[in-house]
Amino acid sequence: MTEGTTLQIERLIDASREAVFAVWTTRAAMESWYQDGDGWVVRVTDLDVRAGGRYRVEFGPPGERPFVESGVYLEVDPPSRLVMTETIEGVDSPWTDTRVTVELRDEGGKTRLVLLHEGFPSAHECDLAAGGWPGFLDRIERIVRAGAS
């Protein structure tokens, strides 16, 4: 659901909160779920998962200038909550210091993931993110399921 400059997505994942949290906070998993296209190159160049720590991810088609996403972790509460800023460069409509909140709630042995992405400069950027997040969440879910098997 998008509303102006705020996006909220919910997903029920058949895995523990700990497993889902790990996919958001480990280099190898992040390099897998940032694969937004066949053969894309992904590098997590900075990952300091603590309040005040930074992250930086470069991703995109090989041979092209990568998209760069970076930010600061504002809250880290394993396995329940992650809050971070997000700045993205290399896209037609970049954004700076949006806020991403990921809440993980136990729901009968599964995990209810609630993602809130807010502070976009306009509805256009919010719509771009609304088009991208479902693919990222699909890959996150596949990675978690593969780890559980």
C-alpha atoms as a PDB file:
ATOM      1  CA  MET A   1       0.000   0.000   0.000  1.00  0.00           C
ATOM      2  CA  THR A   2       1.338   3.449  -0.872  1.00  0.00           C
ATOM      3  CA  GLU A   3      -0.035   6.654   0.498  1.00  0.00           C
ATOM      4  CA  GLY A   4       1.683   9.779  -0.780  1.00  0.00           C
ATOM      5  CA  THR A   5       5.272   9.433   0.307  1.00  0.00           C
ATOM      6  CA  THR A   6       4.870   6.383   2.582  1.00  0.00           C
ATOM      7  CA  LEU A   7       4.917   2.730   1.576  1.00  0.00           C
ATOM      8  CA  GLN A   8       3.840  -0.208   3.757  1.00  0.00           C
ATOM      9  CA  ILE A   9       4.123  -3.868   2.757  1.00  0.00           C
ATOM     10  CA  GLU A  10       3.322  -6.948   4.837  1.00  0.00           C
ATOM     11  CA  ARG A  11       4.400 -10.498   4.164  1.00  0.00           C
ATOM     12  CA  LEU A  12       3.893 -13.737   6.117  1.00  0.00           C
ATOM     13  CA  ILE A  13       7.037 -15.876   5.859  1.00  0.00           C
ATOM     14  CA  ASP A  14       7.182 -19.524   6.893  1.00  0.00           C
ATOM     15  CA  ALA A  15      10.343 -19.165   8.985  1.00  0.00           C
ATOM     16  CA  SER A  16      11.486 -17.958  12.384  1.00  0.00           C
ATOM     17  CA  ARG A  17      12.083 -14.286  13.123  1.00  0.00           C
ATOM     18  CA  GLU A  18      15.753 -15.134  13.748  1.00  0.00           C
ATOM     19  CA  ALA A  19      16.143 -16.592  10.253  1.00  0.00           C
ATOM     20  CA  VAL A  20      14.421 -13.624   8.606  1.00  0.00           C
ATOM     21  CA  PHE A  21      16.431 -11.112  10.666  1.00  0.00           C
ATOM     22  CA  ALA A  22      19.683 -12.837   9.633  1.00  0.00           C
ATOM     23  CA  VAL A  23      18.843 -12.385   5.944  1.00  0.00           C
ATOM     24  CA  TRP A  24      18.575  -8.621   6.514  1.00  0.00           C
ATOM     25  CA  THR A  25      21.862  -8.401   8.424  1.00  0.00           C
ATOM     26  CA  THR A  26      24.432 -10.742   6.847  1.00  0.00           C
ATOM     27  CA  ARG A  27      26.637  -9.876   3.887  1.00  0.00           C
ATOM     28  CA  ALA A  28      26.156 -13.110   1.879  1.00  0.00           C
ATOM     29  CA  ALA A  29      22.364 -13.041   2.220  1.00  0.00           C
ATOM     30  CA  MET A  30      22.152  -9.353   1.302  1.00  0.00           C
ATOM     31  CA  GLU A  31      24.310  -9.949  -1.775  1.00  0.00           C
ATOM     32  CA  SER A  32      21.781 -12.599  -2.826  1.00  0.00           C
ATOM     33  CA  TRP A  33      18.585 -10.630  -2.324  1.00  0.00           C
ATOM     34  CA  TYR A  34      19.913  -7.477  -3.998  1.00  0.00           C
ATOM     35  CA  GLN A  35      20.179  -9.540  -7.248  1.00  0.00           C
ATOM     36  CA  ASP A  36      17.485  -7.626  -9.110  1.00  0.00           C
ATOM     37  CA  GLY A  37      18.330  -9.053 -12.529  1.00  0.00           C
ATOM     38  CA  ASP A  38      20.059 -11.970 -14.222  1.00  0.00           C
ATOM     39  CA  GLY A  39      23.805 -11.749 -13.765  1.00  0.00           C
ATOM     40  CA  TRP A  40      23.694  -8.569 -11.719  1.00  0.00           C
ATOM     41  CA  VAL A  41      26.802  -7.736  -9.738  1.00  0.00           C
ATOM     42  CA  VAL A  42      26.201  -7.044  -6.039  1.00  0.00           C
ATOM     43  CA  ARG A  43      28.768  -5.995  -3.446  1.00  0.00           C
ATOM     44  CA  VAL A  44      28.088  -5.115   0.166  1.00  0.00           C
ATOM     45  CA  THR A  45      31.000  -2.757   0.789  1.00  0.00           C
ATOM     46  CA  ASP A  46      30.081  -1.665   4.318  1.00  0.00           C
ATOM     47  CA  LEU A  47      27.993  -3.506   6.908  1.00  0.00           C
ATOM     48  CA  ASP A  48      28.092  -2.489  10.575  1.00  0.00           C
ATOM     49  CA  VAL A  49      24.793  -3.723  12.012  1.00  0.00           C
ATOM     50  CA  ARG A  50      24.429  -1.681  15.209  1.00  0.00           C
ATOM     51  CA  ALA A  51      22.699   1.571  16.088  1.00  0.00           C
ATOM     52  CA  GLY A  52      24.860   4.237  14.465  1.00  0.00           C
ATOM     53  CA  GLY A  53      26.529   1.720  12.140  1.00  0.00           C
ATOM     54  CA  ARG A  54      26.525   2.157   8.379  1.00  0.00           C
ATOM     55  CA  TYR A  55      25.751  -0.011   5.379  1.00  0.00           C
ATOM     56  CA  ARG A  56      26.531   0.414   1.684  1.00  0.00           C
ATOM     57  CA  VAL A  57      25.531  -1.822  -1.224  1.00  0.00           C
ATOM     58  CA  GLU A  58      26.524  -1.474  -4.892  1.00  0.00           C
ATOM     59  CA  PHE A  59      24.337  -3.397  -7.352  1.00  0.00           C
ATOM     60  CA  GLY A  60      23.469  -3.473 -11.016  1.00  0.00           C
ATOM     61  CA  PRO A  61      24.047  -5.041 -14.416  1.00  0.00           C
ATOM     62  CA  PRO A  62      27.664  -6.004 -15.169  1.00  0.00           C
ATOM     63  CA  GLY A  63      29.665  -3.368 -17.014  1.00  0.00           C
ATOM     64  CA  GLU A  64      27.320  -0.543 -16.038  1.00  0.00           C
ATOM     65  CA  ARG A  65      27.584   2.079 -13.339  1.00  0.00           C
ATOM     66  CA  PRO A  66      26.050   0.473 -10.240  1.00  0.00           C
ATOM     67  CA  PHE A  67      23.159   1.709  -8.189  1.00  0.00           C
ATOM     68  CA  VAL A  68      24.398   2.591  -4.704  1.00  0.00           C
ATOM     69  CA  GLU A  69      22.259   2.249  -1.599  1.00  0.00           C
ATOM     70  CA  SER A  70      23.639   3.433   1.714  1.00  0.00           C
ATOM     71  CA  GLY A  71      22.438   4.453   5.116  1.00  0.00           C
ATOM     72  CA  VAL A  72      22.752   4.369   8.868  1.00  0.00           C
ATOM     73  CA  TYR A  73      21.148   1.887  11.247  1.00  0.00           C
ATOM     74  CA  LEU A  74      19.029   3.846  13.727  1.00  0.00           C
ATOM     75  CA  GLU A  75      17.659   0.863  15.702  1.00  0.00           C
ATOM     76  CA  VAL A  76      18.817  -2.751  15.803  1.00  0.00           C
ATOM     77  CA  ASP A  77      16.722  -5.033  18.017  1.00  0.00           C
ATOM     78  CA  PRO A  78      17.285  -8.684  17.004  1.00  0.00           C
ATOM     79  CA  PRO A  79      15.163 -10.494  15.978  1.00  0.00           C
ATOM     80  CA  SER A  80      12.281  -8.020  16.131  1.00  0.00           C
ATOM     81  CA  ARG A  81      13.125  -4.701  14.541  1.00  0.00           C
ATOM     82  CA  LEU A  82      15.495  -2.871  12.221  1.00  0.00           C
ATOM     83  CA  VAL A  83      15.272   0.835  11.439  1.00  0.00           C
ATOM     84  CA  MET A  84      17.649   2.479   8.979  1.00  0.00           C
ATOM     85  CA  THR A  85      17.998   5.449   6.702  1.00  0.00           C
ATOM     86  CA  GLU A  86      18.246   4.815   2.976  1.00  0.00           C
ATOM     87  CA  THR A  87      19.870   6.936   0.309  1.00  0.00           C
ATOM     88  CA  ILE A  88      19.884   5.626  -3.252  1.00  0.00           C
ATOM     89  CA  GLU A  89      21.991   6.944  -6.120  1.00  0.00           C
ATOM     90  CA  GLY A  90      22.285   5.991  -9.772  1.00  0.00           C
ATOM     91  CA  VAL A  91      18.556   5.929 -10.502  1.00  0.00           C
ATOM     92  CA  ASP A  92      16.549   8.458 -12.502  1.00  0.00           C
ATOM     93  CA  SER A  93      14.858   9.745  -9.347  1.00  0.00           C
ATOM     94  CA  PRO A  94      17.283   9.315  -6.432  1.00  0.00           C
ATOM     95  CA  TRP A  95      16.267   9.819  -2.812  1.00  0.00           C
ATOM     96  CA  THR A  96      18.150  10.774   0.314  1.00  0.00           C
ATOM     97  CA  ASP A  97      17.625   9.763   3.929  1.00  0.00           C
ATOM     98  CA  THR A  98      14.317   7.988   3.597  1.00  0.00           C
ATOM     99  CA  ARG A  99      13.520   5.775   6.578  1.00  0.00           C
ATOM    100  CA  VAL A 100      12.990   2.004   6.398  1.00  0.00           C
ATOM    101  CA  THR A 101      11.459   0.170   9.367  1.00  0.00           C
ATOM    102  CA  VAL A 102      11.330  -3.623   9.339  1.00  0.00           C
ATOM    103  CA  GLU A 103       9.261  -5.250  12.083  1.00  0.00           C
ATOM    104  CA  LEU A 104       9.263  -9.022  12.523  1.00  0.00           C
ATOM    105  CA  ARG A 105       6.403 -10.473  14.564  1.00  0.00           C
ATOM    106  CA  ASP A 106       5.864 -14.097  15.539  1.00  0.00           C
ATOM    107  CA  GLU A 107       2.614 -15.393  14.104  1.00  0.00           C
ATOM    108  CA  GLY A 108       2.032 -19.053  14.933  1.00  0.00           C
ATOM    109  CA  GLY A 109       5.611 -20.124  14.262  1.00  0.00           C
ATOM    110  CA  LYS A 110       5.817 -18.000  11.116  1.00  0.00           C
ATOM    111  CA  THR A 111       7.069 -14.435  10.796  1.00  0.00           C
ATOM    112  CA  ARG A 112       4.901 -11.454   9.908  1.00  0.00           C
ATOM    113  CA  LEU A 113       7.244  -8.997   8.178  1.00  0.00           C
ATOM    114  CA  VAL A 114       5.959  -5.417   8.181  1.00  0.00           C
ATOM    115  CA  LEU A 115       8.020  -3.014   6.090  1.00  0.00           C
ATOM    116  CA  LEU A 116       7.405   0.727   6.347  1.00  0.00           C
ATOM    117  CA  HIS A 117       9.382   2.957   3.956  1.00  0.00           C
ATOM    118  CA  GLU A 118       8.727   6.659   4.459  1.00  0.00           C
ATOM    119  CA  GLY A 119      10.041  10.111   3.690  1.00  0.00           C
ATOM    120  CA  PHE A 120      10.244   9.981  -0.097  1.00  0.00           C
ATOM    121  CA  PRO A 121      10.643  13.370  -1.782  1.00  0.00           C
ATOM    122  CA  SER A 122       7.483  12.757  -3.842  1.00  0.00           C
ATOM    123  CA  ALA A 123       4.859  10.147  -4.674  1.00  0.00           C
ATOM    124  CA  HIS A 124       6.860   9.292  -7.826  1.00  0.00           C
ATOM    125  CA  GLU A 125       9.833   7.953  -5.837  1.00  0.00           C
ATOM    126  CA  CYS A 126       7.454   6.137  -3.487  1.00  0.00           C
ATOM    127  CA  ASP A 127       5.863   4.431  -6.504  1.00  0.00           C
ATOM    128  CA  LEU A 128       9.323   3.406  -7.774  1.00  0.00           C
ATOM    129  CA  ALA A 129      10.085   1.782  -4.417  1.00  0.00           C
ATOM    130  CA  ALA A 130       6.653   0.119  -4.408  1.00  0.00           C
ATOM    131  CA  GLY A 131       7.657  -1.526  -7.677  1.00  0.00           C
ATOM    132  CA  GLY A 132      10.990  -2.738  -6.314  1.00  0.00           C
ATOM    133  CA  TRP A 133      10.310  -3.971  -2.780  1.00  0.00           C
ATOM    134  CA  PRO A 134       8.085  -6.949  -3.731  1.00  0.00           C
ATOM    135  CA  GLY A 135      10.927  -8.499  -5.765  1.00  0.00           C
ATOM    136  CA  PHE A 136      13.390  -7.990  -2.913  1.00  0.00           C
ATOM    137  CA  LEU A 137      10.929  -9.570  -0.462  1.00  0.00           C
ATOM    138  CA  ASP A 138      10.330 -12.509  -2.825  1.00  0.00           C
ATOM    139  CA  ARG A 139      14.089 -13.159  -2.891  1.00  0.00           C
ATOM    140  CA  ILE A 140      14.350 -12.764   0.897  1.00  0.00           C
ATOM    141  CA  GLU A 141      11.604 -15.361   1.300  1.00  0.00           C
ATOM    142  CA  ARG A 142      13.350 -17.773  -1.116  1.00  0.00           C
ATOM    143  CA  ILE A 143      16.671 -17.389   0.722  1.00  0.00           C
ATOM    144  CA  VAL A 144      15.041 -18.067   4.097  1.00  0.00           C
ATOM    145  CA  ARG A 145      13.201 -21.123   2.729  1.00  0.00           C
ATOM    146  CA  ALA A 146      16.401 -22.484   1.145  1.00  0.00           C
ATOM    147  CA  GLY A 147      18.185 -22.143   4.486  1.00  0.00           C
ATOM    148  CA  ALA A 148      15.394 -24.013   6.268  1.00  0.00           C
ATOM    149  CA  SER A 149      15.531 -27.019   3.950  1.00  0.00           C
END
